[in-house]
Amino acid sequence: MERGILGSRGAVQILGSKTGAAMSCGKTTSTSFTCSTKHELNLHVNVKPLQLVTDGSSRLAYKTPVLKNQWNLSASSSSANVVTTFDDDKGVPSSFAEEKIGVLLLNLGGPETLDDVQPFLFNLFADPDIIRLPRLFRFLQRPLAKLISTFRAPKSKEGYASIGGGSPLRKITDEQANALKIALEKKKLNANIYVGMRYWYPFTEEAIDQIKKDNISKLVVLPLYPQYSISTSGSSIRVLQNVVKEDSYFSGLPISIIESWYQRDGYVKSMADLIEKELSAFSNPEEVMIFFSAHGVPLTYVQDAGDPYRDQMEDCISLIMGELRSRGILNGHTLAYQSRVGPVQWLKPYTDEVLVELGQNGVKSLLAVPVSFVSEHIETLEEIDMEYKELALESGIENWGRVPALGCTSTFISDLADAVVEALPSASALGTRKPEDTGSSMDLMHYLTKMFFGSILAFILLLSPRLVSAFRNTTL
């Protein structure tokens, strides 16, 4: 029987007892959800959680430079560099069975009704990891977020209305949490699973409060983003770091953060499984172009802030294609980035431009792969399935297919469970955040100035057509 705190808005889902529910969650069409299960794979994987060095410096040895630049944490651990792999048959060490284990799943969140759209957008743009203003001008963050969210809400509402009136992300993430709990129980690990959304209910802060109330003794943090970006995993982790800085319980709680997991065999093989299945639906599978579409980030994040997202995404595509080639699938492929906003430069090439170019170059069959998403939401259901499909067909592509998001695919969920188990030995208590010198003052001032004026210019250019239209309407 399932037990949880779910119910009304604002509740944090906790899966704290045994349940017999099947692994099933969202597929690609509208807001109805069906099961996506595949044959089991024999998985031997290596997790890359955030680990601790024991050289006396008591600093977290993060995998990406951008995290080193964001915070410096003190920590203590006698076995910080130990990463252990466990087989299902062997289960987990008895010491873990005696502890109260928690797993915090982090995700973006999404409006559940059309009335939620504007406040959801406000929360999104009020995040300093999304709109990156210099510290001196942070007082503009919330007014700008209010302005942008107000102007963007009508268009965004149209998108959510087209997929059923709201985002299915919370429902799917809850189902993934439930499936993960079952998978962990099969590995003889009982854990409370918490869902924390960054911009909508249940918020990450609510999940953190519940973890404290439940007196969890060891916590694994698992962002549901395969690749790390400062605007996704980094933003959610920052919320946790702020809590650690202020709360004595969390500063002493052993925590392991799985920063990114795109390189895991289970994820790579699960993605290859889905691609292979969808290719078989084409009349001439060998002629199909595999089109990876990833969510974009502003180019300045990569060039100026050191975001590893682009490098990780390219590495991810290489791993998936390598797995497909090992199966004899030799299709051509390309990578592009979607969902850019405003006139500032984002990661290129852009999805819409590449689709037009492929059609002009004679590509007739295309399989779209939403590689940065593990759940269906507006970027897959509306942007890819509707906007990009229509653009592709108008550009000369005749046969269109789309790989579903992983959802609760059994091999994928099993691998996430492996990642959690493997991360447990590296859990260590985190101390308070301390400032860190990230470069020369001249370089820092140059970067902050460019970011500030670039952001202001972007806002003006983004909003000016609507502002002009509104002004004309009031004067006519």
Protein backbone atom coordinates (compact mmCIF):
# COMPACT_ATOMS: atom_id res chain seq x y z
CA MET A 1 0.00 0.00 0.00
CA GLU A 2 1.25 3.47 -0.83
CA ARG A 3 1.66 6.05 1.86
CA GLY A 4 2.57 9.66 1.16
CA ILE A 5 1.85 13.31 1.70
CA LEU A 6 0.52 14.33 -1.69
CA GLY A 7 -2.91 15.93 -1.63
CA SER A 8 -3.22 19.68 -1.99
CA ARG A 9 -0.98 22.28 -3.56
CA GLY A 10 2.15 22.93 -1.59
CA ALA A 11 2.41 19.39 -0.24
CA VAL A 12 5.73 17.58 -0.52
CA GLN A 13 5.47 14.04 -1.79
CA ILE A 14 7.12 11.51 0.49
CA LEU A 15 7.20 7.86 -0.38
CA GLY A 16 8.04 6.29 2.92
CA SER A 17 6.57 2.81 2.85
CA LYS A 18 6.45 -0.23 0.64
CA THR A 19 4.25 -0.02 -2.43
CA GLY A 20 3.33 -2.45 -5.13
CA ALA A 21 2.57 0.06 -7.86
CA ALA A 22 3.94 -0.66 -11.30
CA MET A 23 6.57 1.44 -13.02
CA SER A 24 4.46 3.56 -15.34
CA CYS A 25 4.53 7.20 -16.25
CA GLY A 26 4.20 9.75 -18.98
CA LYS A 27 4.46 9.12 -22.69
CA THR A 28 4.37 11.59 -25.52
CA THR A 29 0.78 12.51 -26.35
CA SER A 30 -1.32 15.14 -24.52
CA THR A 31 -1.71 14.56 -20.79
CA SER A 32 -2.62 10.89 -20.75
CA PHE A 33 0.11 8.57 -19.55
CA THR A 34 1.01 5.02 -20.46
CA CYS A 35 3.66 2.57 -19.34
CA SER A 36 6.99 2.39 -21.14
CA THR A 37 8.90 -0.74 -20.15
CA LYS A 38 11.67 -2.54 -21.97
CA HIS A 39 13.66 -5.73 -21.60
CA GLU A 40 16.16 -5.63 -18.74
CA LEU A 41 19.83 -4.86 -19.38
CA ASN A 42 22.79 -6.15 -17.46
CA LEU A 43 24.12 -2.90 -16.02
CA HIS A 44 27.65 -2.35 -14.72
CA VAL A 45 28.07 1.35 -14.10
CA ASN A 46 30.19 3.86 -12.25
CA VAL A 47 28.55 6.77 -10.46
CA LYS A 48 30.15 10.20 -10.35
CA PRO A 49 28.74 11.84 -7.23
CA LEU A 50 30.24 14.89 -5.65
CA GLN A 51 32.97 13.50 -3.46
CA LEU A 52 35.32 14.81 -0.80
CA VAL A 53 39.08 14.96 -0.73
CA THR A 54 40.91 14.02 2.43
CA ASP A 55 44.11 15.99 1.95
CA GLY A 56 43.49 18.13 5.00
CA SER A 57 41.95 20.99 3.07
CA SER A 58 38.39 19.84 3.83
CA ARG A 59 37.10 21.11 0.52
CA LEU A 60 34.58 19.55 -1.77
CA ALA A 61 36.23 18.24 -4.93
CA TYR A 62 33.54 19.07 -7.45
CA LYS A 63 33.61 17.58 -10.92
CA THR A 64 32.99 20.88 -12.68
CA PRO A 65 34.94 24.16 -12.30
CA VAL A 66 31.78 26.25 -12.18
CA LEU A 67 30.75 24.65 -8.89
CA LYS A 68 34.17 25.36 -7.42
CA ASN A 69 33.63 29.00 -8.29
CA GLN A 70 30.18 29.15 -6.71
CA TRP A 71 30.96 27.92 -3.22
CA ASN A 72 33.67 26.55 -1.01
CA LEU A 73 32.42 24.06 1.56
CA SER A 74 34.10 22.55 4.55
CA ALA A 75 33.41 18.88 5.13
CA SER A 76 34.53 15.87 7.09
CA SER A 77 34.73 12.25 6.01
CA SER A 78 36.96 9.30 6.75
CA SER A 79 36.03 7.42 3.58
CA ALA A 80 35.11 10.19 1.20
CA ASN A 81 36.70 8.81 -1.93
CA VAL A 82 35.18 5.37 -1.62
CA VAL A 83 32.65 4.48 -4.31
CA THR A 84 31.24 0.99 -4.02
CA THR A 85 29.24 -0.95 -6.60
CA PHE A 86 26.56 -3.29 -5.32
CA ASP A 87 24.83 -6.14 -7.14
CA ASP A 88 21.09 -6.62 -6.69
CA ASP A 89 21.65 -10.08 -5.19
CA LYS A 90 24.05 -8.77 -2.55
CA GLY A 91 21.94 -5.80 -1.57
CA VAL A 92 23.50 -3.01 0.49
CA PRO A 93 25.66 -3.08 3.61
CA SER A 94 23.75 -3.66 6.82
CA SER A 95 24.95 -0.32 8.18
CA PHE A 96 22.83 1.49 5.61
CA ALA A 97 19.81 -0.64 6.47
CA GLU A 98 20.03 0.66 10.03
CA GLU A 99 20.05 4.31 8.92
CA LYS A 100 17.19 6.50 7.81
CA ILE A 101 18.05 7.16 4.17
CA GLY A 102 16.53 9.96 2.14
CA VAL A 103 16.70 10.62 -1.62
CA LEU A 104 15.88 14.11 -2.86
CA LEU A 105 14.83 14.30 -6.52
CA LEU A 106 15.27 17.78 -7.96
CA ASN A 107 13.37 19.04 -10.98
CA LEU A 108 12.25 22.25 -12.65
CA GLY A 109 8.53 22.16 -11.90
CA GLY A 110 5.71 23.43 -14.08
CA PRO A 111 2.33 25.17 -13.83
CA GLU A 112 -0.49 22.70 -13.24
CA THR A 113 -3.25 25.08 -14.39
CA LEU A 114 -3.36 28.11 -16.67
CA ASP A 115 -3.75 30.34 -13.61
CA ASP A 116 -0.38 29.06 -12.40
CA VAL A 117 1.51 30.17 -15.50
CA GLN A 118 2.30 33.79 -14.57
CA PRO A 119 3.46 33.08 -10.99
CA PHE A 120 5.48 30.12 -12.26
CA LEU A 121 7.22 32.37 -14.78
CA PHE A 122 7.85 34.94 -12.06
CA ASN A 123 9.59 32.32 -9.93
CA LEU A 124 11.64 31.28 -12.95
CA PHE A 125 12.87 34.74 -13.89
CA ALA A 126 13.39 35.78 -10.26
CA ASP A 127 16.11 33.12 -10.02
CA PRO A 128 19.55 34.78 -10.26
CA ASP A 129 20.85 31.67 -12.01
CA ILE A 130 18.36 32.31 -14.85
CA ILE A 131 18.63 36.10 -15.10
CA ARG A 132 22.24 36.71 -14.09
CA LEU A 133 22.52 40.28 -12.82
CA PRO A 134 25.60 41.72 -11.08
CA ARG A 135 25.31 41.72 -7.29
CA LEU A 136 25.14 45.51 -7.24
CA PHE A 137 21.95 45.42 -9.31
CA ARG A 138 20.23 42.40 -7.72
CA PHE A 139 17.53 44.73 -6.41
CA LEU A 140 16.20 44.75 -10.00
CA GLN A 141 15.72 40.97 -10.04
CA ARG A 142 12.15 40.77 -8.79
CA PRO A 143 10.81 43.86 -10.62
CA LEU A 144 12.27 42.54 -13.88
CA ALA A 145 10.85 39.07 -13.16
CA LYS A 146 7.43 40.61 -12.60
CA LEU A 147 7.64 42.58 -15.84
CA ILE A 148 8.86 39.67 -17.97
CA SER A 149 6.41 37.14 -16.51
CA THR A 150 3.49 39.50 -17.06
CA PHE A 151 4.33 40.03 -20.73
CA ARG A 152 5.21 36.39 -21.45
CA ALA A 153 2.26 34.79 -19.63
CA PRO A 154 -0.35 35.12 -22.44
CA LYS A 155 1.87 33.35 -24.98
CA SER A 156 2.93 30.70 -22.48
CA LYS A 157 -0.70 30.06 -21.57
CA GLU A 158 -1.43 29.28 -25.20
CA GLY A 159 1.29 26.65 -25.15
CA TYR A 160 0.07 25.00 -21.96
CA ALA A 161 -3.52 25.13 -23.18
CA SER A 162 -2.47 23.16 -26.27
CA ILE A 163 -1.17 20.28 -24.11
CA GLY A 164 -4.18 20.04 -21.85
CA GLY A 165 -4.07 23.15 -19.66
CA GLY A 166 -0.98 22.49 -17.59
CA SER A 167 2.34 20.73 -17.26
CA PRO A 168 2.41 16.95 -16.57
CA LEU A 169 5.88 17.27 -15.01
CA ARG A 170 4.80 16.94 -11.38
CA LYS A 171 2.68 13.86 -12.06
CA ILE A 172 5.49 12.16 -13.97
CA THR A 173 8.13 13.09 -11.38
CA ASP A 174 5.93 11.69 -8.60
CA GLU A 175 5.62 8.45 -10.56
CA GLN A 176 9.39 8.33 -11.11
CA ALA A 177 9.86 8.80 -7.36
CA ASN A 178 7.49 5.92 -6.67
CA ALA A 179 9.24 3.72 -9.23
CA LEU A 180 12.64 4.58 -7.77
CA LYS A 181 11.49 3.58 -4.30
CA ILE A 182 10.40 0.18 -5.63
CA ALA A 183 13.71 -0.27 -7.44
CA LEU A 184 15.65 0.57 -4.28
CA GLU A 185 13.61 -1.90 -2.26
CA LYS A 186 14.58 -4.59 -4.76
CA LYS A 187 18.17 -3.73 -3.91
CA LYS A 188 17.29 -4.09 -0.22
CA LEU A 189 17.46 -0.39 0.52
CA ASN A 190 14.46 1.29 2.15
CA ALA A 191 14.51 5.03 1.55
CA ASN A 192 12.19 7.98 1.79
CA ILE A 193 11.92 9.65 -1.61
CA TYR A 194 11.32 13.41 -1.71
CA VAL A 195 10.42 15.56 -4.73
CA GLY A 196 11.63 19.16 -4.76
CA MET A 197 10.71 21.46 -7.65
CA ARG A 198 12.66 24.65 -8.26
CA TYR A 199 9.90 26.96 -9.53
CA TRP A 200 6.57 25.39 -8.56
CA TYR A 201 4.97 23.11 -6.01
CA PRO A 202 6.28 21.14 -4.21
CA PHE A 203 9.19 23.55 -3.87
CA THR A 204 12.68 22.35 -2.99
CA GLU A 205 12.44 24.27 0.28
CA GLU A 206 9.33 22.28 1.25
CA ALA A 207 11.08 19.00 0.58
CA ILE A 208 14.04 20.15 2.67
CA ASP A 209 11.71 21.01 5.56
CA GLN A 210 10.16 17.56 5.40
CA ILE A 211 13.57 15.87 5.33
CA LYS A 212 14.42 17.66 8.56
CA LYS A 213 11.08 16.71 10.16
CA ASP A 214 11.68 13.07 9.24
CA ASN A 215 15.13 13.22 10.86
CA ILE A 216 16.86 11.65 7.85
CA SER A 217 20.35 10.45 8.80
CA LYS A 218 21.89 10.30 5.29
CA LEU A 219 20.76 12.05 2.11
CA VAL A 220 21.44 11.50 -1.59
CA VAL A 221 20.57 14.44 -3.85
CA LEU A 222 19.66 13.43 -7.41
CA PRO A 223 18.83 16.18 -9.93
CA LEU A 224 16.68 14.76 -12.73
CA TYR A 225 18.85 16.45 -15.34
CA PRO A 226 21.33 14.07 -17.04
CA GLN A 227 23.75 16.91 -17.84
CA TYR A 228 24.82 19.61 -15.39
CA SER A 229 24.08 23.28 -16.00
CA ILE A 230 24.23 26.22 -13.64
CA SER A 231 20.66 27.07 -14.71
CA THR A 232 19.19 23.64 -13.82
CA SER A 233 21.05 21.37 -11.40
CA GLY A 234 23.22 24.26 -10.22
CA SER A 235 20.25 26.44 -9.32
CA SER A 236 18.52 23.66 -7.38
CA ILE A 237 21.71 22.69 -5.55
CA ARG A 238 22.24 26.33 -4.61
CA VAL A 239 18.97 26.24 -2.67
CA LEU A 240 20.31 23.32 -0.66
CA GLN A 241 23.64 25.07 -0.08
CA ASN A 242 21.84 28.12 1.30
CA VAL A 243 19.97 25.89 3.75
CA VAL A 244 23.20 24.17 4.81
CA LYS A 245 24.75 27.56 5.48
CA GLU A 246 22.01 28.52 7.94
CA ASP A 247 20.77 25.23 9.44
CA SER A 248 22.79 23.22 11.97
CA TYR A 249 20.90 19.99 11.18
CA PHE A 250 21.76 20.11 7.49
CA SER A 251 25.33 21.32 8.07
CA GLY A 252 25.91 18.06 9.96
CA LEU A 253 23.86 15.78 7.71
CA PRO A 254 25.91 13.44 5.48
CA ILE A 255 24.93 14.40 1.93
CA SER A 256 26.02 13.04 -1.45
CA ILE A 257 25.14 15.04 -4.55
CA ILE A 258 25.05 13.24 -7.89
CA GLU A 259 26.03 16.15 -10.08
CA SER A 260 25.43 14.61 -13.51
CA TRP A 261 24.80 11.08 -14.74
CA TYR A 262 24.58 11.22 -18.53
CA GLN A 263 27.68 9.05 -18.75
CA ARG A 264 26.15 6.07 -16.93
CA ASP A 265 25.77 2.88 -18.94
CA GLY A 266 22.16 2.46 -17.84
CA TYR A 267 21.13 5.90 -19.10
CA VAL A 268 23.05 5.53 -22.38
CA LYS A 269 21.63 2.07 -23.09
CA SER A 270 18.09 3.14 -22.16
CA MET A 271 18.30 6.04 -24.59
CA ALA A 272 19.70 3.74 -27.28
CA ASP A 273 16.83 1.29 -26.65
CA LEU A 274 14.22 3.99 -27.26
CA ILE A 275 15.97 5.29 -30.38
CA GLU A 276 16.33 1.77 -31.79
CA LYS A 277 12.65 1.07 -31.18
CA GLU A 278 11.48 4.29 -32.86
CA LEU A 279 13.79 3.79 -35.84
CA SER A 280 12.14 0.44 -36.50
CA ALA A 281 8.81 2.23 -37.08
CA PHE A 282 10.15 3.88 -40.26
CA SER A 283 9.79 2.06 -43.58
CA ASN A 284 13.51 2.65 -44.30
CA PRO A 285 15.17 2.93 -40.87
CA GLU A 286 18.70 3.21 -42.28
CA GLU A 287 17.80 6.46 -44.08
CA VAL A 288 16.55 8.26 -40.97
CA MET A 289 18.50 11.23 -39.58
CA ILE A 290 18.73 11.06 -35.78
CA PHE A 291 18.07 14.61 -34.58
CA PHE A 292 19.11 15.30 -30.97
CA SER A 293 17.40 18.41 -29.64
CA ALA A 294 18.67 19.71 -26.29
CA HIS A 295 17.40 22.60 -24.22
CA GLY A 296 19.65 25.58 -24.85
CA VAL A 297 21.37 28.00 -22.46
CA PRO A 298 22.72 31.49 -23.18
CA LEU A 299 26.19 31.35 -24.71
CA THR A 300 27.56 33.60 -21.95
CA TYR A 301 26.87 30.83 -19.42
CA VAL A 302 29.40 28.64 -21.19
CA GLN A 303 31.93 31.25 -22.30
CA ASP A 304 31.93 33.55 -19.26
CA ALA A 305 30.54 31.51 -16.36
CA GLY A 306 32.21 28.18 -17.17
CA ASP A 307 29.02 26.15 -17.54
CA PRO A 308 30.01 22.58 -18.59
CA TYR A 309 26.63 21.91 -20.18
CA ARG A 310 27.71 22.06 -23.83
CA ASP A 311 30.70 19.79 -23.31
CA GLN A 312 28.62 17.28 -21.36
CA MET A 313 25.89 17.33 -23.99
CA GLU A 314 28.32 16.65 -26.82
CA ASP A 315 29.92 13.86 -24.78
CA CYS A 316 26.46 12.43 -24.09
CA ILE A 317 25.58 12.30 -27.80
CA SER A 318 28.89 10.62 -28.53
CA LEU A 319 28.19 7.93 -25.94
CA ILE A 320 24.66 7.25 -27.21
CA MET A 321 25.79 7.07 -30.84
CA GLY A 322 28.67 4.80 -29.82
CA GLU A 323 26.17 2.43 -28.21
CA LEU A 324 23.99 2.49 -31.33
CA ARG A 325 26.96 1.78 -33.57
CA SER A 326 27.88 -1.20 -31.40
CA ARG A 327 24.42 -2.54 -32.32
CA GLY A 328 25.02 -2.00 -36.03
CA ILE A 329 22.94 1.19 -36.25
CA LEU A 330 24.98 3.57 -38.42
CA ASN A 331 22.49 6.39 -39.06
CA GLY A 332 23.63 9.97 -39.44
CA HIS A 333 22.95 12.30 -36.52
CA THR A 334 23.09 15.94 -35.52
CA LEU A 335 22.67 18.01 -32.35
CA ALA A 336 20.85 21.33 -32.02
CA TYR A 337 19.54 23.47 -29.16
CA GLN A 338 15.95 24.58 -28.61
CA SER A 339 13.89 26.97 -26.44
CA ARG A 340 15.95 30.14 -26.80
CA VAL A 341 14.35 33.37 -25.57
CA GLY A 342 15.09 36.95 -26.56
CA PRO A 343 17.76 38.42 -28.84
CA VAL A 344 20.85 37.33 -26.87
CA GLN A 345 22.97 34.57 -28.37
CA TRP A 346 22.29 31.04 -27.13
CA LEU A 347 24.11 27.81 -27.79
CA LYS A 348 24.15 27.02 -31.50
CA PRO A 349 23.08 25.53 -33.80
CA TYR A 350 19.41 26.36 -33.17
CA THR A 351 16.85 23.58 -33.61
CA ASP A 352 14.48 25.55 -35.85
CA GLU A 353 17.26 26.68 -38.19
CA VAL A 354 18.75 23.18 -38.47
CA LEU A 355 15.36 21.65 -39.29
CA VAL A 356 14.93 24.05 -42.20
CA GLU A 357 18.47 23.36 -43.40
CA LEU A 358 18.00 19.58 -43.24
CA GLY A 359 14.82 19.82 -45.28
CA GLN A 360 16.54 21.99 -47.87
CA ASN A 361 19.40 19.50 -48.07
CA GLY A 362 17.08 16.67 -48.97
CA VAL A 363 16.61 14.84 -45.68
CA LYS A 364 13.24 13.07 -45.91
CA SER A 365 13.07 11.06 -42.67
CA LEU A 366 13.91 12.44 -39.26
CA LEU A 367 13.73 11.09 -35.70
CA ALA A 368 13.70 13.78 -33.01
CA VAL A 369 15.36 12.85 -29.70
CA PRO A 370 14.76 15.18 -26.68
CA VAL A 371 18.08 14.31 -25.06
CA SER A 372 18.11 16.72 -22.11
CA PHE A 373 14.67 15.70 -20.82
CA VAL A 374 13.69 12.57 -18.86
CA SER A 375 10.04 13.59 -18.50
CA GLU A 376 7.45 14.88 -20.93
CA HIS A 377 6.64 18.56 -20.51
CA ILE A 378 5.91 21.62 -22.62
CA GLU A 379 9.25 21.56 -24.46
CA THR A 380 8.52 18.06 -25.75
CA LEU A 381 4.74 18.00 -26.02
CA GLU A 382 4.26 21.45 -27.55
CA GLU A 383 7.56 22.78 -28.83
CA ILE A 384 8.87 19.56 -30.42
CA ASP A 385 5.65 17.66 -31.16
CA MET A 386 3.78 20.65 -32.57
CA GLU A 387 5.99 23.59 -33.53
CA TYR A 388 9.09 21.74 -34.71
CA LYS A 389 7.14 18.95 -36.37
CA GLU A 390 5.15 21.49 -38.38
CA LEU A 391 8.33 23.36 -39.33
CA ALA A 392 10.05 20.14 -40.39
CA LEU A 393 7.17 19.07 -42.63
CA GLU A 394 6.97 22.55 -44.17
CA SER A 395 10.73 22.38 -44.87
CA GLY A 396 10.51 19.20 -46.94
CA ILE A 397 10.90 16.45 -44.35
CA GLU A 398 8.26 13.84 -45.14
CA ASN A 399 8.59 11.26 -42.36
CA TRP A 400 8.70 12.50 -38.76
CA GLY A 401 9.19 10.51 -35.59
CA ARG A 402 9.95 11.38 -31.99
CA VAL A 403 11.59 9.38 -29.22
CA PRO A 404 9.58 9.58 -25.97
CA ALA A 405 11.18 10.82 -22.78
CA LEU A 406 12.54 8.06 -20.55
CA GLY A 407 9.83 8.49 -17.92
CA CYS A 408 9.67 5.31 -15.85
CA THR A 409 11.43 3.02 -18.32
CA SER A 410 12.51 0.13 -16.12
CA THR A 411 16.18 0.06 -17.15
CA PHE A 412 16.46 3.80 -16.57
CA ILE A 413 14.85 3.69 -13.12
CA SER A 414 16.98 0.68 -12.15
CA ASP A 415 20.11 2.61 -13.10
CA LEU A 416 19.02 5.62 -11.04
CA ALA A 417 18.62 3.24 -8.10
CA ASP A 418 22.16 1.96 -8.72
CA ALA A 419 23.41 5.55 -8.74
CA VAL A 420 21.76 6.22 -5.37
CA VAL A 421 23.24 3.10 -3.78
CA GLU A 422 26.70 3.83 -5.17
CA ALA A 423 26.57 7.42 -3.92
CA LEU A 424 25.82 6.54 -0.30
CA PRO A 425 29.41 5.81 0.81
CA SER A 426 30.54 9.27 -0.33
CA ALA A 427 27.92 11.12 1.75
CA SER A 428 29.64 13.58 4.07
CA ALA A 429 28.63 16.46 6.31
CA LEU A 430 28.79 19.86 4.67
CA GLY A 431 29.86 23.02 6.44
CA THR A 432 29.11 26.66 5.76
CA ARG A 433 29.68 28.36 2.46
CA LYS A 434 32.69 30.65 2.20
CA PRO A 435 33.60 33.20 -0.45
CA GLU A 436 36.21 32.21 -2.98
CA ASP A 437 38.40 34.27 -5.28
CA THR A 438 37.36 33.43 -8.84
CA GLY A 439 39.80 35.57 -10.80
CA SER A 440 41.34 39.00 -11.10
CA SER A 441 39.26 42.02 -10.14
CA MET A 442 39.62 43.50 -13.62
CA ASP A 443 38.30 40.35 -15.32
CA LEU A 444 35.48 40.11 -12.80
CA MET A 445 34.46 43.74 -13.31
CA HIS A 446 34.52 43.30 -17.08
CA TYR A 447 32.34 40.21 -16.84
CA LEU A 448 29.83 41.80 -14.45
CA THR A 449 29.54 44.95 -16.53
CA LYS A 450 28.99 42.99 -19.74
CA MET A 451 26.41 40.74 -18.09
CA PHE A 452 24.50 43.68 -16.63
CA PHE A 453 24.24 45.80 -19.74
CA GLY A 454 23.69 42.74 -21.91
CA SER A 455 20.79 41.66 -19.70
CA ILE A 456 19.21 45.13 -19.69
CA LEU A 457 19.53 45.36 -23.47
CA ALA A 458 18.00 41.92 -23.84
CA PHE A 459 15.01 42.91 -21.71
CA ILE A 460 14.46 46.09 -23.71
CA LEU A 461 14.65 44.29 -27.05
CA LEU A 462 12.51 41.42 -25.83
CA LEU A 463 9.74 43.57 -24.42
CA SER A 464 9.80 46.60 -26.70
CA PRO A 465 7.35 45.28 -29.35
CA ARG A 466 4.72 44.62 -26.69
CA LEU A 467 5.44 47.90 -24.93
CA VAL A 468 5.06 49.82 -28.21
CA SER A 469 1.85 47.96 -28.97
CA ALA A 470 0.47 48.69 -25.52
CA PHE A 471 1.39 52.36 -25.85
CA ARG A 472 -0.33 52.59 -29.24
CA ASN A 473 -3.48 50.98 -27.87
CA THR A 474 -3.70 53.52 -25.07
CA THR A 475 -3.20 56.50 -27.37
CA LEU A 476 -5.60 55.50 -30.18
